[in-house]
Protein backbone atom coordinates (compact mmCIF):
# COMPACT_ATOMS: atom_id res chain seq x y z
CA MET A 1 110.35 -63.04 -55.91
CA SER A 2 110.08 -63.34 -60.44
CA VAL A 3 109.28 -60.57 -62.72
CA GLY A 4 105.75 -62.65 -63.67
CA MET A 5 104.65 -63.38 -59.87
CA VAL A 6 104.96 -59.45 -59.17
CA ALA A 7 103.02 -58.31 -62.82
CA ARG A 8 100.36 -60.06 -61.16
CA LEU A 9 99.97 -57.58 -58.39
CA PRO A 10 98.11 -54.37 -58.28
CA TRP A 11 99.95 -51.35 -58.16
CA PRO A 12 101.36 -49.98 -54.84
CA ILE A 13 98.20 -47.34 -54.17
CA PHE A 14 97.11 -46.94 -51.20
CA SER A 15 93.29 -47.77 -52.43
CA SER A 16 94.33 -50.94 -53.94
CA TYR A 17 95.20 -52.13 -50.08
CA GLU A 18 92.77 -50.05 -48.09
CA TRP A 19 90.27 -53.05 -47.45
CA GLN A 20 92.83 -54.47 -45.49
CA HIS A 21 92.54 -51.76 -42.55
CA GLY A 22 89.26 -53.23 -41.86
CA GLY A 23 90.54 -56.88 -41.18
CA ALA A 24 90.09 -58.83 -38.31
CA CYS A 25 93.97 -59.83 -38.94
CA GLU A 26 94.64 -56.49 -38.28
CA GLY A 27 97.39 -56.23 -35.38
CA THR A 28 97.59 -60.13 -35.43
CA ASP A 29 101.00 -61.56 -35.84
CA PRO A 30 101.18 -62.32 -39.34
CA THR A 31 102.94 -66.00 -38.58
CA LEU A 32 99.37 -67.01 -37.78
CA PHE A 33 98.54 -66.55 -41.13
CA PHE A 34 101.80 -68.43 -43.07
CA HIS A 35 103.47 -71.62 -42.57
CA PRO A 36 107.12 -71.62 -41.82
CA ASP A 37 109.13 -74.35 -44.04
CA GLY A 38 108.22 -78.10 -43.27
CA GLU A 39 105.37 -77.35 -41.14
CA ARG A 40 102.78 -80.35 -41.90
CA GLY A 41 100.31 -82.44 -40.72
CA ALA A 42 98.60 -81.77 -37.57
CA ALA A 43 100.86 -78.30 -36.98
CA ARG A 44 99.77 -77.03 -39.99
CA ARG A 45 96.14 -77.70 -39.44
CA ASP A 46 95.90 -76.18 -35.90
CA ARG A 47 97.35 -73.14 -37.15
CA ASP A 48 95.50 -72.80 -40.57
CA SER A 49 92.38 -73.52 -38.13
CA GLN A 50 93.46 -70.67 -35.86
CA ALA A 51 93.88 -68.35 -38.99
CA LEU A 52 90.60 -69.14 -40.05
CA ALA A 53 88.80 -68.44 -36.85
CA VAL A 54 90.38 -64.93 -37.16
CA CYS A 55 88.83 -64.34 -40.80
CA SER A 56 85.53 -65.86 -39.98
CA GLY A 57 84.15 -62.57 -38.54
CA CYS A 58 85.95 -60.28 -40.63
CA ALA A 59 84.67 -57.56 -42.24
CA VAL A 60 86.46 -57.33 -45.08
CA LEU A 61 86.56 -61.14 -45.64
CA ASP A 62 85.33 -60.99 -49.24
CA ALA A 63 87.65 -58.51 -50.30
CA CYS A 64 90.33 -60.70 -48.96
CA ARG A 65 89.33 -63.70 -50.55
CA GLN A 66 88.51 -61.83 -54.24
CA HIS A 67 92.15 -59.96 -53.92
CA ALA A 68 93.53 -63.63 -53.06
CA LEU A 69 91.86 -65.10 -55.94
CA SER A 70 92.74 -62.40 -58.30
CA VAL A 71 96.34 -62.32 -57.49
CA ARG A 72 96.51 -66.38 -57.21
CA GLU A 73 98.28 -65.78 -54.34
CA PRO A 74 100.19 -68.92 -53.61
CA TYR A 75 101.01 -68.48 -49.60
CA GLY A 76 98.78 -68.05 -46.34
CA VAL A 77 95.58 -67.96 -45.40
CA TRP A 78 93.61 -65.08 -47.04
CA GLY A 79 90.10 -64.29 -46.87
CA GLY A 80 89.14 -67.33 -44.87
CA THR A 81 91.34 -69.50 -47.52
CA THR A 82 93.98 -71.80 -47.28
CA GLU A 83 96.68 -72.21 -50.15
CA THR A 84 95.05 -75.44 -50.82
CA GLU A 85 91.51 -74.21 -51.15
CA ARG A 86 92.41 -71.14 -53.69
CA GLU A 87 94.48 -73.80 -55.97
CA LEU A 88 91.11 -75.78 -55.69
CA ILE A 89 89.45 -72.69 -56.61
CA ASP A 90 91.35 -71.48 -59.43
CA LEU A 91 91.43 -75.21 -60.84
CA ARG A 92 87.27 -75.40 -60.96
CA THR A 93 87.24 -71.76 -62.53
CA ARG A 94 89.94 -72.53 -65.10
CA THR A 95 89.26 -75.90 -66.13
CA PRO A 96 86.20 -75.46 -67.98
CA ALA A 97 87.85 -72.50 -69.83
CA ARG A 98 90.59 -74.88 -71.07
CA ALA A 99 88.34 -77.81 -72.15
CA ALA A 100 86.19 -75.24 -74.06
CA SER A 101 89.23 -74.13 -75.67
CA ARG A 102 90.43 -77.51 -77.07
CA PRO A 103 89.83 -78.49 -80.47
CA ALA A 104 87.49 -81.20 -81.13
């Protein structure tokens, strides 16, 4: 992992990650939330659907999603969102700022 990628993460202080202890995913095999190399198509959709089902009733869903968006988490299912969904959210929130900063 490059220094730039690590720099975007919060400090390793317990309170920064304490919200995770209330997660519906606690105790679930983490491989459900992260795709193996080369996983595509129906296999990936099925695994993502299973992970999203775990997230659906989670007490810390919002905190998890906020964390993933704030650190621009590139991998896995976090806060009821897939990698692709977070990329789209990021693009939507950043595009207006870029357009507004361009000279006319």
